[in-house]
Amino acid sequence: MAPPSRILYLHGFASSPRGRKRAVLEDRFLPDGFEVVAPDLNVPSFRELNFFEMVAEARVAFELAEPRVIIGSSLGALVALSLAEILDLHSPPLVLVAPALGFGERWKERLPESEVFELFHHGEGRPLPIHRRFFEEMARVRVDETPPPVAVSVVMGTEDESVPYAQVAEAWARWEGSGRLAKGSRFHRVAGGDHGLVAYGDEIESAVRERLAD
């Protein structure tokens, strides 16, 4: 029996590998023989969250799964871009869902003054403590300034309540203007779409299938 084809799914901030987007992907791609691999990116813990350890965890999952496509959701999109940067042309194509592009210094806005504070963790369904230095670290991440070395599809809702649509559209325009965006890359504008986008499974599926066809 041939080994299964795999999709690597990288979840977002304060989420888990058991989230609703993974369920959407499994519902639509398991019947086609795809296995959805989703590592836990709350590393080393949510309290001590570290972006570079998230990327390292994603790379381990990539090497084990050998996926046909990498899907990154929100913060997971930045992890996906970092992974693709490391892998360069050996990276599979990317699908970025509600990606946190262009955040930079915005990660630090409206934070409490304390070093440790609580935020609601959607994967756990309750508030959990997190250290301030994670947001200071994210303010220095610039992986989204240039397009990835491989074809990419972005799925972005116009009514995203967490990542402003205009911010992501601006980042995409910058990628296009660089002349380095891989051939066949596409921006999916989802009218009325929120940050979760779980009610827009058709748009997500379409983006994934166009990248699987690469």
C-alpha atoms as a PDB file:
ATOM      1  CA  MET A   1       0.000   0.000   0.000  1.00  0.00           C
ATOM      2  CA  ALA A   2       1.335   3.451  -0.955  1.00  0.00           C
ATOM      3  CA  PRO A   3       2.059   5.858   1.932  1.00  0.00           C
ATOM      4  CA  PRO A   4      -0.571   8.584   2.410  1.00  0.00           C
ATOM      5  CA  SER A   5      -0.141  12.021   0.944  1.00  0.00           C
ATOM      6  CA  ARG A   6       0.133  14.553   3.736  1.00  0.00           C
ATOM      7  CA  ILE A   7      -0.800  18.161   4.427  1.00  0.00           C
ATOM      8  CA  LEU A   8       1.088  20.032   7.143  1.00  0.00           C
ATOM      9  CA  TYR A   9      -1.191  22.378   9.103  1.00  0.00           C
ATOM     10  CA  LEU A  10       0.330  25.039  11.383  1.00  0.00           C
ATOM     11  CA  HIS A  11      -2.209  26.500  13.798  1.00  0.00           C
ATOM     12  CA  GLY A  12      -2.464  30.076  14.969  1.00  0.00           C
ATOM     13  CA  PHE A  13      -1.781  31.987  18.168  1.00  0.00           C
ATOM     14  CA  ALA A  14      -3.556  30.779  21.325  1.00  0.00           C
ATOM     15  CA  SER A  15      -4.914  27.811  19.413  1.00  0.00           C
ATOM     16  CA  SER A  16      -4.134  24.117  19.141  1.00  0.00           C
ATOM     17  CA  PRO A  17      -3.633  21.365  16.552  1.00  0.00           C
ATOM     18  CA  ARG A  18      -7.191  20.222  17.341  1.00  0.00           C
ATOM     19  CA  GLY A  19      -8.778  23.450  16.122  1.00  0.00           C
ATOM     20  CA  ARG A  20     -11.733  23.968  13.788  1.00  0.00           C
ATOM     21  CA  LYS A  21      -9.633  24.661  10.699  1.00  0.00           C
ATOM     22  CA  ARG A  22      -8.007  21.258  11.020  1.00  0.00           C
ATOM     23  CA  ALA A  23     -11.483  19.729  11.133  1.00  0.00           C
ATOM     24  CA  VAL A  24     -12.389  21.621   7.943  1.00  0.00           C
ATOM     25  CA  LEU A  25      -9.267  20.289   6.229  1.00  0.00           C
ATOM     26  CA  GLU A  26      -9.872  16.708   7.336  1.00  0.00           C
ATOM     27  CA  ASP A  27     -13.500  16.849   6.252  1.00  0.00           C
ATOM     28  CA  ARG A  28     -12.480  17.923   2.754  1.00  0.00           C
ATOM     29  CA  PHE A  29      -9.221  16.065   2.162  1.00  0.00           C
ATOM     30  CA  LEU A  30      -9.336  12.790   4.126  1.00  0.00           C
ATOM     31  CA  PRO A  31     -11.767  11.335   1.550  1.00  0.00           C
ATOM     32  CA  ASP A  32      -9.067  11.944  -1.080  1.00  0.00           C
ATOM     33  CA  GLY A  33      -6.501   9.981   0.910  1.00  0.00           C
ATOM     34  CA  PHE A  34      -4.703  12.941   2.511  1.00  0.00           C
ATOM     35  CA  GLU A  35      -3.529  12.870   6.111  1.00  0.00           C
ATOM     36  CA  VAL A  36      -3.518  16.208   7.964  1.00  0.00           C
ATOM     37  CA  VAL A  37      -0.453  16.520  10.207  1.00  0.00           C
ATOM     38  CA  ALA A  38      -0.733  19.277  12.814  1.00  0.00           C
ATOM     39  CA  PRO A  39       2.034  19.776  15.398  1.00  0.00           C
ATOM     40  CA  ASP A  40       1.412  21.570  18.683  1.00  0.00           C
ATOM     41  CA  LEU A  41       3.111  24.965  18.347  1.00  0.00           C
ATOM     42  CA  ASN A  42       2.571  26.017  21.973  1.00  0.00           C
ATOM     43  CA  VAL A  43       6.286  25.513  22.589  1.00  0.00           C
ATOM     44  CA  PRO A  44       8.012  25.237  24.943  1.00  0.00           C
ATOM     45  CA  SER A  45       4.719  26.240  26.613  1.00  0.00           C
ATOM     46  CA  PHE A  46       2.128  28.962  26.084  1.00  0.00           C
ATOM     47  CA  ARG A  47       3.551  30.911  29.009  1.00  0.00           C
ATOM     48  CA  GLU A  48       7.080  30.786  27.561  1.00  0.00           C
ATOM     49  CA  LEU A  49       6.025  30.860  23.902  1.00  0.00           C
ATOM     50  CA  ASN A  50       8.974  31.299  21.547  1.00  0.00           C
ATOM     51  CA  PHE A  51       8.601  31.912  17.810  1.00  0.00           C
ATOM     52  CA  PHE A  52      11.896  30.280  16.857  1.00  0.00           C
ATOM     53  CA  GLU A  53      11.032  27.146  18.816  1.00  0.00           C
ATOM     54  CA  MET A  54       7.699  27.111  16.955  1.00  0.00           C
ATOM     55  CA  VAL A  55       9.581  27.142  13.657  1.00  0.00           C
ATOM     56  CA  ALA A  56      11.876  24.354  14.883  1.00  0.00           C
ATOM     57  CA  GLU A  57       8.858  22.251  15.898  1.00  0.00           C
ATOM     58  CA  ALA A  58       7.293  22.837  12.480  1.00  0.00           C
ATOM     59  CA  ARG A  59      10.512  21.741  10.775  1.00  0.00           C
ATOM     60  CA  VAL A  60      10.582  18.465  12.713  1.00  0.00           C
ATOM     61  CA  ALA A  61       6.961  17.827  11.698  1.00  0.00           C
ATOM     62  CA  PHE A  62       7.812  18.680   8.088  1.00  0.00           C
ATOM     63  CA  GLU A  63      10.720  16.244   7.967  1.00  0.00           C
ATOM     64  CA  LEU A  64       8.574  13.446   9.398  1.00  0.00           C
ATOM     65  CA  ALA A  65       5.521  14.151   7.230  1.00  0.00           C
ATOM     66  CA  GLU A  66       7.110  15.121   3.883  1.00  0.00           C
ATOM     67  CA  PRO A  67       3.917  17.050   3.066  1.00  0.00           C
ATOM     68  CA  ARG A  68       2.622  18.046  -0.360  1.00  0.00           C
ATOM     69  CA  VAL A  69       1.592  21.486   0.914  1.00  0.00           C
ATOM     70  CA  ILE A  70       2.069  23.596   4.062  1.00  0.00           C
ATOM     71  CA  ILE A  71      -0.931  25.497   5.440  1.00  0.00           C
ATOM     72  CA  GLY A  72      -0.370  28.241   8.010  1.00  0.00           C
ATOM     73  CA  SER A  73      -3.197  29.950   9.875  1.00  0.00           C
ATOM     74  CA  SER A  74      -2.752  33.466  11.334  1.00  0.00           C
ATOM     75  CA  LEU A  75       0.501  33.314  13.347  1.00  0.00           C
ATOM     76  CA  GLY A  76       1.037  29.865  11.833  1.00  0.00           C
ATOM     77  CA  ALA A  77       1.377  31.622   8.474  1.00  0.00           C
ATOM     78  CA  LEU A  78       4.508  33.375   9.754  1.00  0.00           C
ATOM     79  CA  VAL A  79       5.815  30.009  10.943  1.00  0.00           C
ATOM     80  CA  ALA A  80       5.106  28.621   7.461  1.00  0.00           C
ATOM     81  CA  LEU A  81       6.969  31.510   5.820  1.00  0.00           C
ATOM     82  CA  SER A  82       9.950  30.983   8.124  1.00  0.00           C
ATOM     83  CA  LEU A  83       9.975  27.271   7.345  1.00  0.00           C
ATOM     84  CA  ALA A  84       9.824  27.961   3.601  1.00  0.00           C
ATOM     85  CA  GLU A  85      12.703  30.433   3.961  1.00  0.00           C
ATOM     86  CA  ILE A  86      14.805  27.718   5.606  1.00  0.00           C
ATOM     87  CA  LEU A  87      13.866  25.055   3.041  1.00  0.00           C
ATOM     88  CA  ASP A  88      14.138  27.493   0.123  1.00  0.00           C
ATOM     89  CA  LEU A  89      13.233  25.819  -3.195  1.00  0.00           C
ATOM     90  CA  HIS A  90      12.893  22.466  -1.415  1.00  0.00           C
ATOM     91  CA  SER A  91       9.779  23.792   0.335  1.00  0.00           C
ATOM     92  CA  PRO A  92       6.376  22.589  -0.839  1.00  0.00           C
ATOM     93  CA  PRO A  93       3.904  25.323  -1.847  1.00  0.00           C
ATOM     94  CA  LEU A  94       2.147  27.350   0.849  1.00  0.00           C
ATOM     95  CA  VAL A  95      -1.423  28.263   1.741  1.00  0.00           C
ATOM     96  CA  LEU A  96      -1.718  31.133   4.232  1.00  0.00           C
ATOM     97  CA  VAL A  97      -5.128  31.490   5.876  1.00  0.00           C
ATOM     98  CA  ALA A  98      -5.902  34.840   7.558  1.00  0.00           C
ATOM     99  CA  PRO A  99      -2.141  35.406   7.800  1.00  0.00           C
ATOM    100  CA  ALA A 100      -0.723  37.837  10.352  1.00  0.00           C
ATOM    101  CA  LEU A 101       1.287  39.670   7.685  1.00  0.00           C
ATOM    102  CA  GLY A 102       2.714  43.113   8.315  1.00  0.00           C
ATOM    103  CA  PHE A 103       2.269  43.050  12.093  1.00  0.00           C
ATOM    104  CA  GLY A 104       5.752  44.064  13.205  1.00  0.00           C
ATOM    105  CA  GLU A 105       5.461  46.551  16.046  1.00  0.00           C
ATOM    106  CA  ARG A 106       1.691  45.966  16.258  1.00  0.00           C
ATOM    107  CA  TRP A 107       2.391  42.833  18.290  1.00  0.00           C
ATOM    108  CA  LYS A 108       3.290  45.069  21.233  1.00  0.00           C
ATOM    109  CA  GLU A 109       0.338  47.460  21.027  1.00  0.00           C
ATOM    110  CA  ARG A 110      -2.112  47.630  23.937  1.00  0.00           C
ATOM    111  CA  LEU A 111      -0.167  45.139  26.060  1.00  0.00           C
ATOM    112  CA  PRO A 112      -0.321  45.370  29.850  1.00  0.00           C
ATOM    113  CA  GLU A 113       2.797  46.658  31.570  1.00  0.00           C
ATOM    114  CA  SER A 114       3.389  43.460  33.524  1.00  0.00           C
ATOM    115  CA  GLU A 115       5.924  40.863  32.374  1.00  0.00           C
ATOM    116  CA  VAL A 116       3.358  38.035  32.586  1.00  0.00           C
ATOM    117  CA  PHE A 117      -0.359  38.440  31.929  1.00  0.00           C
ATOM    118  CA  GLU A 118      -3.299  36.267  30.913  1.00  0.00           C
ATOM    119  CA  LEU A 119      -4.839  35.854  27.455  1.00  0.00           C
ATOM    120  CA  PHE A 120      -7.695  33.623  26.414  1.00  0.00           C
ATOM    121  CA  HIS A 121      -6.390  30.413  24.853  1.00  0.00           C
ATOM    122  CA  HIS A 122      -8.939  29.099  22.366  1.00  0.00           C
ATOM    123  CA  GLY A 123      -7.420  25.620  22.309  1.00  0.00           C
ATOM    124  CA  GLU A 124      -7.756  25.247  26.078  1.00  0.00           C
ATOM    125  CA  GLY A 125     -10.968  27.253  26.376  1.00  0.00           C
ATOM    126  CA  ARG A 126      -9.683  29.363  29.263  1.00  0.00           C
ATOM    127  CA  PRO A 127      -7.281  32.228  30.037  1.00  0.00           C
ATOM    128  CA  LEU A 128      -3.626  31.226  30.332  1.00  0.00           C
ATOM    129  CA  PRO A 129      -0.561  33.238  31.330  1.00  0.00           C
ATOM    130  CA  ILE A 130       1.949  34.324  28.677  1.00  0.00           C
ATOM    131  CA  HIS A 131       5.209  36.244  28.948  1.00  0.00           C
ATOM    132  CA  ARG A 132       5.555  39.716  27.464  1.00  0.00           C
ATOM    133  CA  ARG A 133       8.849  38.870  25.747  1.00  0.00           C
ATOM    134  CA  PHE A 134       7.033  36.785  23.110  1.00  0.00           C
ATOM    135  CA  PHE A 135       5.389  39.929  21.733  1.00  0.00           C
ATOM    136  CA  GLU A 136       8.663  41.837  21.884  1.00  0.00           C
ATOM    137  CA  GLU A 137      10.249  38.990  19.930  1.00  0.00           C
ATOM    138  CA  MET A 138       7.473  39.034  17.311  1.00  0.00           C
ATOM    139  CA  ALA A 139       7.958  42.775  16.797  1.00  0.00           C
ATOM    140  CA  ARG A 140      11.397  41.932  15.372  1.00  0.00           C
ATOM    141  CA  VAL A 141      10.211  39.163  13.024  1.00  0.00           C
ATOM    142  CA  ARG A 142      10.434  40.333   9.407  1.00  0.00           C
ATOM    143  CA  VAL A 143       9.887  37.064   7.531  1.00  0.00           C
ATOM    144  CA  ASP A 144       6.861  38.513   5.707  1.00  0.00           C
ATOM    145  CA  GLU A 145       8.711  41.447   4.129  1.00  0.00           C
ATOM    146  CA  THR A 146       9.530  39.468   0.970  1.00  0.00           C
ATOM    147  CA  PRO A 147       7.527  36.714  -0.771  1.00  0.00           C
ATOM    148  CA  PRO A 148       8.344  33.052  -0.137  1.00  0.00           C
ATOM    149  CA  PRO A 149      10.568  31.195  -2.614  1.00  0.00           C
ATOM    150  CA  VAL A 150       7.691  28.934  -3.699  1.00  0.00           C
ATOM    151  CA  ALA A 151       4.123  29.410  -4.938  1.00  0.00           C
ATOM    152  CA  VAL A 152       1.724  30.700  -2.293  1.00  0.00           C
ATOM    153  CA  SER A 153      -2.021  31.188  -1.987  1.00  0.00           C
ATOM    154  CA  VAL A 154      -3.440  33.618   0.578  1.00  0.00           C
ATOM    155  CA  VAL A 155      -7.031  33.342   1.846  1.00  0.00           C
ATOM    156  CA  MET A 156      -8.123  36.541   3.572  1.00  0.00           C
ATOM    157  CA  GLY A 157     -11.513  37.754   4.797  1.00  0.00           C
ATOM    158  CA  THR A 158     -12.535  41.369   4.350  1.00  0.00           C
ATOM    159  CA  GLU A 159     -14.121  41.464   7.827  1.00  0.00           C
ATOM    160  CA  ASP A 160     -11.257  39.879   9.756  1.00  0.00           C
ATOM    161  CA  GLU A 161     -11.554  41.149  13.332  1.00  0.00           C
ATOM    162  CA  SER A 162      -7.977  40.226  14.322  1.00  0.00           C
ATOM    163  CA  VAL A 163      -5.817  41.015  11.289  1.00  0.00           C
ATOM    164  CA  PRO A 164      -6.901  44.048   9.225  1.00  0.00           C
ATOM    165  CA  TYR A 165      -7.673  43.082   5.636  1.00  0.00           C
ATOM    166  CA  ALA A 166      -5.965  46.209   4.279  1.00  0.00           C
ATOM    167  CA  GLN A 167      -2.769  45.269   6.102  1.00  0.00           C
ATOM    168  CA  VAL A 168      -2.593  41.871   4.399  1.00  0.00           C
ATOM    169  CA  ALA A 169      -3.604  43.260   0.997  1.00  0.00           C
ATOM    170  CA  GLU A 170      -0.797  45.815   1.329  1.00  0.00           C
ATOM    171  CA  ALA A 171       1.730  43.080   2.114  1.00  0.00           C
ATOM    172  CA  TRP A 172       0.527  41.106  -0.924  1.00  0.00           C
ATOM    173  CA  ALA A 173       0.891  44.180  -3.147  1.00  0.00           C
ATOM    174  CA  ARG A 174       4.438  44.590  -1.848  1.00  0.00           C
ATOM    175  CA  TRP A 175       5.173  40.956  -2.741  1.00  0.00           C
ATOM    176  CA  GLU A 176       3.771  41.462  -6.238  1.00  0.00           C
ATOM    177  CA  GLY A 177       5.732  44.666  -6.676  1.00  0.00           C
ATOM    178  CA  SER A 178       8.987  42.934  -5.728  1.00  0.00           C
ATOM    179  CA  GLY A 179       8.904  40.864  -8.912  1.00  0.00           C
ATOM    180  CA  ARG A 180       9.857  37.819  -6.812  1.00  0.00           C
ATOM    181  CA  LEU A 181       6.425  36.303  -6.232  1.00  0.00           C
ATOM    182  CA  ALA A 182       6.420  32.748  -7.603  1.00  0.00           C
ATOM    183  CA  LYS A 183       4.420  32.100 -10.759  1.00  0.00           C
ATOM    184  CA  GLY A 184       0.853  30.956 -10.100  1.00  0.00           C
ATOM    185  CA  SER A 185       0.622  32.538  -6.640  1.00  0.00           C
ATOM    186  CA  ARG A 186      -2.857  33.852  -5.866  1.00  0.00           C
ATOM    187  CA  PHE A 187      -4.695  36.083  -3.412  1.00  0.00           C
ATOM    188  CA  HIS A 188      -8.201  34.900  -2.434  1.00  0.00           C
ATOM    189  CA  ARG A 189     -10.305  37.816  -1.193  1.00  0.00           C
ATOM    190  CA  VAL A 190     -13.216  36.446   0.864  1.00  0.00           C
ATOM    191  CA  ALA A 191     -15.984  39.042   1.006  1.00  0.00           C
ATOM    192  CA  GLY A 192     -17.450  39.135   4.520  1.00  0.00           C
ATOM    193  CA  GLY A 193     -14.967  36.586   5.811  1.00  0.00           C
ATOM    194  CA  ASP A 194     -13.921  36.718   9.486  1.00  0.00           C
ATOM    195  CA  HIS A 195     -10.631  35.655  11.065  1.00  0.00           C
ATOM    196  CA  GLY A 196     -11.734  32.079  11.676  1.00  0.00           C
ATOM    197  CA  LEU A 197     -12.949  31.520   8.094  1.00  0.00           C
ATOM    198  CA  VAL A 198     -14.354  28.125   9.127  1.00  0.00           C
ATOM    199  CA  ALA A 199     -17.636  29.035   7.423  1.00  0.00           C
ATOM    200  CA  TYR A 200     -15.688  29.537   4.189  1.00  0.00           C
ATOM    201  CA  GLY A 201     -14.392  26.037   3.672  1.00  0.00           C
ATOM    202  CA  ASP A 202     -14.926  26.228  -0.084  1.00  0.00           C
ATOM    203  CA  GLU A 203     -12.443  29.103  -0.383  1.00  0.00           C
ATOM    204  CA  ILE A 204      -9.871  27.325   1.786  1.00  0.00           C
ATOM    205  CA  GLU A 205     -10.311  24.094  -0.143  1.00  0.00           C
ATOM    206  CA  SER A 206      -9.932  25.901  -3.463  1.00  0.00           C
ATOM    207  CA  ALA A 207      -6.656  27.481  -2.363  1.00  0.00           C
ATOM    208  CA  VAL A 208      -5.278  24.166  -1.097  1.00  0.00           C
ATOM    209  CA  ARG A 209      -6.235  22.315  -4.277  1.00  0.00           C
ATOM    210  CA  GLU A 210      -4.566  24.887  -6.514  1.00  0.00           C
ATOM    211  CA  ARG A 211      -1.352  24.431  -4.582  1.00  0.00           C
ATOM    212  CA  LEU A 212      -1.654  20.631  -4.573  1.00  0.00           C
ATOM    213  CA  ALA A 213      -1.827  20.892  -8.350  1.00  0.00           C
ATOM    214  CA  ASP A 214       1.639  22.524  -8.508  1.00  0.00           C
END
